[in-house]
Amino acid sequence: MRNYYRRRKFTTYKFFVEGQVGKVFLRRQKKWKDGFWIWHIGFAVGKSTRRVNDWYRVKQNKRAKSVRKRITGKSGPKLLIEGMKGVMTLRWNLEPGDVLFLDNTSSEPDKQFRAVGWLLRKHPEWVVDSEQKIFFWHRPPYNNDELWKTHKIIGKIPANPLQSTGNSQYFECFDSYLKDQYTAKSKDQN
């Protein structure tokens, strides 16, 4: 008999910009509310995947230090755009109701904060903490939504994973089924 195991979802997204390697990392940070988690997402760029991985694992070697000194890379806006595409793609690996936060850890955090804010201008669902320079995103449905009490929620990825989840797209991000199908009333029975 074979042992089958469930493969975990991808938690990294790798991209290349003008000969440099960029990588987006997603990791579970801490438990937030009953059954919900806070996730941290960030990205870095370097000359090689090994350098970026050493930076991510906080190793004390020359490779990690070289990424820490020049974390913005040489490509500038192209790198930031590709990195945000990775963030927008990986955010769908979260379970419904979880929270994602993106902090600015570059060598120039003010500049990165303004650039990411500009890129997220068409995504009103991202919450901004301008004092700590952090961006937050809640995976729909929100943890305080009344839907959780009466329905079973199953997350799904929308047709365009880069789109905003505000307004009409909110309900495209999950399916909901009544928890107790037998006691549910139709519209005419109410």
Foldseek 3Di string as FASTA:
>chain_A
DDDDDDDADDQKDWDDDPQKIKMKGKDWDAADDVPETEIEIEMFIDNDPVLRVCLVVVHPDPSNVVCQVARCDDPHPVNVVVRVVRVLVNVLSGFAQYKYKYAQRHPDRVVSLVSVCVVCVQAVQWDADVVRSMIMHHQPPHPPDPLVVFWDKDFDQAPDSNHHCPDPNVVRGIDIHGPDPVPDDDPVVD
